[in-house]
């Protein structure tokens, strides 16, 4: 499956940033502003990561390093967010490396193009601080005609067993089963321009278009109307008032297709298992090309329920809103190993609502 990741044969070179410092003193705070010279051009790695620069901690006590969690940049006229990876502390006399990681959508847009990344790093030591503006230009080589830039999805394990229905469970009427896939994935797959490309629905599933996702992982400045929410048709489901467990089922299918990048993946018939810390969402997958799944159930994400649900309607209606999902091992394989830990913890949400008799 194409996930916007560069050819593994590409090399990227360590950054060499020349910096000059303009000292200033304000009371006890010494602020040094680094003005980078022309940023060097680097190739982004096959995992979407690149080193922006290194910051040093002088002799003396150790230093605290502060950077933003994400920085915004542009590829052409499109904006995207890059995740900043940096240590929180640097030992005295040592250097800390600041990196950024680009999402799949940004990597796809970057093929054959360049972007400039800037990260403001603040180093604090013994009551003083200095600020460095790290800057780098990133590039991905354009693909040769007829080549594939990403590996295929990996085989899945055996199908998971269905959550056992306790004898004390009751049938419920389901009002809502919704899935919010990772927003950068939605934008990426929606970039295909060939007939049949995009996000398609069948069997009672439908998409809800909006300019932003209700469960964003990688917010974008794009104002395009995209199906960030997928609603499935309700199916026969159950809830156990004794244990609080539930099996909530949906019908229909959503397909993600981008012919030019080998993507043809369908996720159908969701099974939402409410089972404490073992809660999860299971889908039936099928596909072709770089997603060669014949017709197989797999647990896609583990669900973090937190303090949910919200109970209303005299204690009869239970609502779980925007429950975050973390890719399982099979989920990582579905997406070709691109979203590996720790970045598998930002993979959309599930919402559902059901009413007991």
Protein backbone atom coordinates (compact mmCIF):
# COMPACT_ATOMS: atom_id res chain seq x y z
CA UNK A 1 0.00 0.00 0.00
CA UNK A 2 1.26 3.44 -0.87
CA UNK A 3 1.41 5.62 2.20
CA UNK A 4 3.40 8.54 0.85
CA UNK A 5 6.72 7.26 2.04
CA UNK A 6 9.94 7.62 0.07
CA UNK A 7 11.93 4.99 -1.71
CA UNK A 8 14.07 3.12 0.80
CA UNK A 9 17.08 3.62 -1.46
CA UNK A 10 17.11 7.36 -0.80
CA UNK A 11 19.87 8.73 1.40
CA UNK A 12 19.66 11.75 3.66
CA UNK A 13 22.65 13.69 4.85
CA UNK A 14 23.33 15.17 8.28
CA UNK A 15 22.42 18.86 8.47
CA UNK A 16 25.15 21.47 8.64
CA UNK A 17 23.66 24.71 9.88
CA UNK A 18 25.85 27.74 10.42
CA UNK A 19 24.58 29.89 13.24
CA UNK A 20 25.42 33.34 14.51
CA UNK A 21 24.26 34.67 17.84
CA UNK A 22 23.13 38.15 18.86
CA UNK A 23 23.50 38.49 22.64
CA UNK A 24 21.09 40.45 24.73
CA UNK A 25 20.54 40.67 28.48
CA UNK A 26 17.25 41.30 30.18
CA UNK A 27 17.65 41.29 33.99
CA UNK A 28 18.90 37.83 34.88
CA UNK A 29 17.79 36.28 31.55
CA UNK A 30 20.34 36.05 28.77
CA UNK A 31 18.65 35.55 25.42
CA UNK A 32 20.66 34.46 22.41
CA UNK A 33 18.89 34.39 19.06
CA UNK A 34 20.42 32.13 16.43
CA UNK A 35 20.07 33.32 12.88
CA UNK A 36 20.53 30.35 10.54
CA UNK A 37 22.42 30.70 7.32
CA UNK A 38 20.92 29.29 4.15
CA UNK A 39 19.47 25.94 5.14
CA UNK A 40 21.05 22.87 3.60
CA UNK A 41 18.94 20.64 1.36
CA UNK A 42 18.36 17.16 2.81
CA UNK A 43 16.40 14.11 1.71
CA UNK A 44 13.80 12.94 4.19
CA UNK A 45 14.23 9.38 5.49
CA UNK A 46 12.01 6.46 4.54
CA UNK A 47 10.21 6.82 7.89
CA UNK A 48 9.40 10.46 7.26
CA UNK A 49 11.96 11.70 9.79
CA UNK A 50 14.72 14.26 9.29
CA UNK A 51 17.23 15.98 11.56
CA UNK A 52 16.63 19.73 11.73
CA UNK A 53 19.69 20.53 13.84
CA UNK A 54 21.55 20.04 17.11
CA UNK A 55 21.67 22.25 20.18
CA UNK A 56 24.44 22.17 22.78
CA UNK A 57 24.49 22.49 26.56
CA UNK A 58 27.58 24.35 27.89
CA UNK A 59 29.67 23.12 30.81
CA UNK A 60 27.95 23.41 34.18
CA UNK A 61 24.55 22.07 35.20
CA UNK A 62 22.44 20.18 32.69
CA UNK A 63 20.08 22.02 30.36
CA UNK A 64 16.35 21.85 29.76
CA UNK A 65 15.31 21.88 26.10
CA UNK A 66 11.94 23.26 25.06
CA UNK A 67 10.50 22.92 21.53
CA UNK A 68 6.97 23.00 20.13
CA UNK A 69 5.24 19.64 19.75
CA UNK A 70 4.44 20.42 16.11
CA UNK A 71 5.45 22.99 13.53
CA UNK A 72 3.57 24.17 10.47
CA UNK A 73 5.11 24.30 7.01
CA UNK A 74 4.04 24.43 3.37
CA UNK A 75 4.46 22.31 0.28
CA UNK A 76 3.45 24.53 -2.59
CA UNK A 77 0.20 26.15 -1.47
CA UNK A 78 -0.75 23.37 0.95
CA UNK A 79 -0.01 23.58 4.67
CA UNK A 80 0.85 20.62 6.87
CA UNK A 81 2.01 19.88 10.41
CA UNK A 82 5.28 18.12 11.23
CA UNK A 83 5.80 16.43 14.61
CA UNK A 84 8.87 17.63 16.51
CA UNK A 85 11.02 15.00 18.24
CA UNK A 86 13.55 16.32 20.78
CA UNK A 87 14.90 15.39 24.24
CA UNK A 88 13.59 17.35 27.21
CA UNK A 89 17.03 17.54 28.85
CA UNK A 90 20.64 17.68 27.64
CA UNK A 91 23.60 16.75 29.82
CA UNK A 92 26.28 19.38 30.42
CA UNK A 93 28.79 19.52 27.59
CA UNK A 94 26.56 17.39 25.35
CA UNK A 95 24.35 18.07 22.34
CA UNK A 96 20.69 17.27 21.73
CA UNK A 97 19.31 16.39 18.31
CA UNK A 98 16.06 17.96 17.13
CA UNK A 99 14.15 16.01 14.49
CA UNK A 100 10.82 16.30 12.72
CA UNK A 101 8.53 13.60 11.41
CA UNK A 102 6.20 14.15 8.45
CA UNK A 103 2.89 12.36 8.08
CA UNK A 104 1.91 10.21 5.13
CA UNK A 105 0.00 12.98 3.38
CA UNK A 106 2.89 15.42 3.57
CA UNK A 107 5.32 12.79 2.31
CA UNK A 108 3.07 12.09 -0.65
CA UNK A 109 2.86 15.77 -1.53
CA UNK A 110 6.62 16.19 -1.11
CA UNK A 111 7.62 13.73 -3.88
CA UNK A 112 9.68 15.72 -6.37
CA UNK A 113 9.36 18.91 -4.30
CA UNK A 114 10.94 20.72 -1.35
CA UNK A 115 9.73 22.30 1.88
CA UNK A 116 11.37 24.40 4.58
CA UNK A 117 11.01 23.38 8.22
CA UNK A 118 11.73 25.79 11.09
CA UNK A 119 11.87 24.82 14.77
CA UNK A 120 12.37 27.25 17.65
CA UNK A 121 14.45 25.59 20.40
CA UNK A 122 14.91 27.18 23.84
CA UNK A 123 17.81 25.93 25.99
CA UNK A 124 17.59 26.83 29.69
CA UNK A 125 20.52 26.50 32.08
CA UNK A 126 20.94 27.86 35.59
CA UNK A 127 18.44 30.72 35.23
CA UNK A 128 19.55 31.75 31.74
CA UNK A 129 18.05 30.89 28.36
CA UNK A 130 19.10 30.99 24.76
CA UNK A 131 16.89 30.52 21.73
CA UNK A 132 17.94 28.87 18.49
CA UNK A 133 15.94 28.94 15.28
CA UNK A 134 16.75 25.67 13.55
CA UNK A 135 15.98 25.48 9.85
CA UNK A 136 16.27 22.84 7.17
CA UNK A 137 15.06 22.30 3.61
CA UNK A 138 13.67 18.83 2.91
CA UNK A 139 13.19 17.10 -0.41
CA UNK A 140 11.89 13.84 -1.80
CA UNK A 141 12.90 12.57 -5.20
CA UNK A 142 10.16 12.15 -7.79
CA UNK A 143 9.25 8.56 -8.56
CA UNK A 144 10.33 6.94 -11.78
CA UNK A 145 7.36 6.04 -14.02
CA UNK A 146 5.81 2.70 -13.11
CA UNK A 147 7.67 2.34 -9.80
CA UNK A 148 6.15 1.89 -6.35
CA UNK A 149 7.53 3.93 -3.49
CA UNK A 150 6.14 1.98 -0.55
CA UNK A 151 5.93 -1.59 0.68
CA UNK A 152 2.72 -3.58 0.59
CA UNK A 153 0.57 -4.21 3.62
CA UNK A 154 1.79 -7.20 5.61
CA UNK A 155 -0.17 -10.40 6.25
CA UNK A 156 -2.56 -10.38 9.16
CA UNK A 157 -2.70 -12.87 12.01
CA UNK A 158 -5.56 -15.24 12.69
CA UNK A 159 -9.03 -13.75 13.00
CA UNK A 160 -9.90 -12.57 16.52
CA UNK A 161 -12.69 -14.38 18.42
CA UNK A 162 -15.93 -12.51 18.91
CA UNK A 163 -16.53 -11.09 22.37
CA UNK A 164 -18.61 -13.66 24.26
CA UNK A 165 -22.13 -12.50 25.11
CA UNK A 166 -22.90 -13.04 28.82
CA UNK A 167 -26.15 -14.76 29.82
CA UNK A 168 -27.26 -11.54 31.54
CA UNK A 169 -26.91 -9.41 28.38
CA UNK A 170 -29.89 -7.71 26.74
CA UNK A 171 -30.56 -6.69 23.14
CA UNK A 172 -30.15 -2.98 22.39
CA UNK A 173 -31.26 -0.61 19.69
CA UNK A 174 -28.26 1.10 18.10
CA UNK A 175 -28.56 4.78 17.24
CA UNK A 176 -25.04 5.41 15.96
CA UNK A 177 -21.85 3.64 14.91
CA UNK A 178 -19.30 6.14 13.56
CA UNK A 179 -15.61 5.90 12.70
CA UNK A 180 -13.27 8.86 12.30
CA UNK A 181 -10.18 7.54 10.46
CA UNK A 182 -6.87 9.37 10.91
CA UNK A 183 -7.44 12.76 9.26
CA UNK A 184 -4.09 12.87 7.43
CA UNK A 185 -4.91 9.44 5.93
CA UNK A 186 -8.28 10.77 4.70
CA UNK A 187 -6.58 13.73 3.04
CA UNK A 188 -3.86 11.53 1.56
CA UNK A 189 -6.20 9.00 -0.04
CA UNK A 190 -8.45 11.81 -1.28
CA UNK A 191 -5.53 13.17 -3.33
CA UNK A 192 -5.90 10.55 -6.08
CA UNK A 193 -7.26 11.93 -9.35
CA UNK A 194 -7.96 8.84 -11.45
CA UNK A 195 -11.49 7.49 -12.02
CA UNK A 196 -12.47 5.43 -8.98
CA UNK A 197 -9.91 7.05 -6.69
CA UNK A 198 -10.92 8.46 -3.33
CA UNK A 199 -13.11 7.28 -0.44
CA UNK A 200 -16.18 5.29 -1.46
CA UNK A 201 -19.12 3.85 0.50
CA UNK A 202 -21.37 0.83 0.10
CA UNK A 203 -23.79 -1.47 1.91
CA UNK A 204 -25.40 1.17 4.12
CA UNK A 205 -22.27 3.04 5.16
CA UNK A 206 -22.03 6.75 4.37
CA UNK A 207 -19.59 9.60 4.72
CA UNK A 208 -20.13 12.94 6.47
CA UNK A 209 -18.14 15.70 4.75
CA UNK A 210 -16.50 18.54 6.63
CA UNK A 211 -13.43 20.75 6.38
CA UNK A 212 -11.95 19.43 9.63
CA UNK A 213 -12.17 16.16 11.52
CA UNK A 214 -13.98 16.01 14.86
CA UNK A 215 -11.10 13.79 16.01
CA UNK A 216 -7.99 15.39 14.47
CA UNK A 217 -4.53 13.83 14.61
CA UNK A 218 -2.80 15.99 12.01
CA UNK A 219 -4.87 19.18 11.55
CA UNK A 220 -4.54 20.88 8.18
CA UNK A 221 -5.21 24.35 6.85
CA UNK A 222 -7.07 22.85 3.90
CA UNK A 223 -10.70 23.93 3.42
CA UNK A 224 -11.58 20.90 1.26
CA UNK A 225 -14.81 19.08 2.15
CA UNK A 226 -13.75 15.49 2.92
CA UNK A 227 -15.50 12.49 4.55
CA UNK A 228 -13.73 12.62 7.90
CA UNK A 229 -16.67 10.77 9.50
CA UNK A 230 -17.93 7.35 8.38
CA UNK A 231 -21.38 6.26 9.61
CA UNK A 232 -22.29 2.58 9.49
CA UNK A 233 -25.76 1.03 9.43
CA UNK A 234 -26.74 -0.34 12.87
CA UNK A 235 -26.89 -4.11 13.29
CA UNK A 236 -28.19 -6.39 16.06
CA UNK A 237 -26.15 -5.67 19.21
CA UNK A 238 -26.11 -6.37 22.94
CA UNK A 239 -25.19 -4.87 26.32
CA UNK A 240 -24.57 -6.58 29.66
CA UNK A 241 -25.70 -4.42 32.62
CA UNK A 242 -23.85 -6.68 35.07
CA UNK A 243 -20.34 -6.45 33.60
CA UNK A 244 -20.79 -3.27 31.53
CA UNK A 245 -19.50 -5.08 28.44
CA UNK A 246 -21.14 -4.69 25.04
CA UNK A 247 -20.91 -5.90 21.48
CA UNK A 248 -22.01 -3.11 19.13
CA UNK A 249 -22.09 -3.99 15.43
CA UNK A 250 -22.38 -1.97 12.25
CA UNK A 251 -22.98 -2.81 8.60
CA UNK A 252 -21.64 -1.41 5.34
CA UNK A 253 -18.20 -0.72 3.92
CA UNK A 254 -15.79 2.16 3.27
CA UNK A 255 -13.12 1.80 0.57
CA UNK A 256 -9.88 3.76 0.30
CA UNK A 257 -8.53 3.82 -3.25
CA UNK A 258 -5.64 5.49 -5.05
CA UNK A 259 -4.78 3.47 -8.12
CA UNK A 260 -1.52 5.26 -8.85
CA UNK A 261 -0.19 4.43 -5.36
CA UNK A 262 -1.44 0.83 -5.18
CA UNK A 263 -4.10 1.53 -2.55
CA UNK A 264 -7.29 -0.53 -2.70
CA UNK A 265 -8.43 -1.24 0.85
CA UNK A 266 -11.98 -1.83 2.12
CA UNK A 267 -12.96 -1.84 5.80
CA UNK A 268 -16.41 -3.27 6.47
CA UNK A 269 -18.84 -4.43 9.16
CA UNK A 270 -17.27 -2.90 12.29
CA UNK A 271 -17.46 -4.75 15.60
CA UNK A 272 -17.03 -2.43 18.57
CA UNK A 273 -16.21 -4.40 21.69
CA UNK A 274 -16.77 -2.57 24.98
CA UNK A 275 -14.75 -4.66 27.41
CA UNK A 276 -12.83 -2.45 29.84
CA UNK A 277 -9.11 -2.20 29.08
CA UNK A 278 -9.54 -4.84 26.34
CA UNK A 279 -11.98 -2.72 24.32
CA UNK A 280 -11.27 -2.64 20.58
CA UNK A 281 -12.65 -2.11 17.09
CA UNK A 282 -12.63 -4.98 14.59
CA UNK A 283 -13.21 -4.59 10.84
CA UNK A 284 -13.47 -7.01 7.95
CA UNK A 285 -10.75 -6.14 5.42
CA UNK A 286 -10.50 -6.85 1.73
CA UNK A 287 -8.35 -5.33 -0.97
CA UNK A 288 -6.02 -5.77 -3.89
CA UNK A 289 -2.78 -4.36 -5.26
CA UNK A 290 -0.55 -3.45 -2.31
CA UNK A 291 -3.33 -4.33 0.16
CA UNK A 292 -3.83 -8.02 -0.67
CA UNK A 293 -6.48 -9.01 1.86
CA UNK A 294 -9.06 -11.50 0.54
CA UNK A 295 -11.83 -11.23 3.17
CA UNK A 296 -10.50 -11.23 6.72
CA UNK A 297 -11.54 -9.89 10.12
CA UNK A 298 -8.85 -8.10 12.09
CA UNK A 299 -8.66 -5.97 15.23
CA UNK A 300 -7.64 -2.56 13.88
CA UNK A 301 -7.43 -0.42 17.03
CA UNK A 302 -7.50 -0.75 20.79
CA UNK A 303 -9.89 1.75 22.35
CA UNK A 304 -9.16 3.97 25.36
CA UNK A 305 -12.56 4.37 27.01
CA UNK A 306 -11.47 6.71 29.80
CA UNK A 307 -14.43 7.82 31.95
CA UNK A 308 -17.05 7.16 29.26
CA UNK A 309 -19.92 6.54 28.64
CA UNK A 310 -22.43 9.35 29.02
CA UNK A 311 -25.76 7.99 30.26
CA UNK A 312 -29.08 9.67 29.40
CA UNK A 313 -32.74 8.88 28.71
CA UNK A 314 -33.42 7.77 32.26
CA UNK A 315 -30.35 5.57 32.35
CA UNK A 316 -31.24 3.68 29.19
CA UNK A 317 -29.06 5.36 26.52
CA UNK A 318 -25.29 4.97 26.58
CA UNK A 319 -23.08 7.21 24.43
CA UNK A 320 -19.37 6.89 23.78
CA UNK A 321 -18.03 9.99 22.01
CA UNK A 322 -14.76 10.18 20.08
CA UNK A 323 -13.01 7.28 21.81
CA UNK A 324 -9.36 7.37 20.73
CA UNK A 325 -7.85 4.39 18.97
CA UNK A 326 -4.32 2.93 18.99
CA UNK A 327 -3.33 0.59 16.17
CA UNK A 328 -2.93 -3.04 17.14
CA UNK A 329 -0.15 -5.20 15.68
CA UNK A 330 -2.56 -6.20 12.88
CA UNK A 331 -3.49 -2.55 12.43
CA UNK A 332 0.17 -1.66 11.94
CA UNK A 333 0.38 -4.40 9.29
CA UNK A 334 -2.70 -3.09 7.48
CA UNK A 335 -0.90 0.22 7.02
CA UNK A 336 2.33 -1.39 5.78
CA UNK A 337 4.23 -0.82 9.01
CA UNK A 338 4.26 2.95 8.46
CA UNK A 339 2.50 3.90 11.70
CA UNK A 340 4.64 2.03 14.23
CA UNK A 341 4.88 2.85 17.95
CA UNK A 342 4.85 5.46 19.30
CA UNK A 343 3.02 7.04 16.35
CA UNK A 344 0.31 4.38 16.32
CA UNK A 345 -1.36 6.14 19.27
CA UNK A 346 -2.98 8.76 17.05
CA UNK A 347 -5.28 6.90 14.74
CA UNK A 348 -8.72 8.40 14.80
CA UNK A 349 -11.75 7.74 16.96
CA UNK A 350 -14.90 5.70 17.31
CA UNK A 351 -18.27 7.06 18.47
CA UNK A 352 -21.35 4.99 19.24
CA UNK A 353 -24.68 5.23 21.01
CA UNK A 354 -27.18 2.53 21.99
CA UNK A 355 -30.36 2.23 24.04
CA UNK A 356 -31.36 -0.61 26.34
CA UNK A 357 -34.98 -1.83 26.73
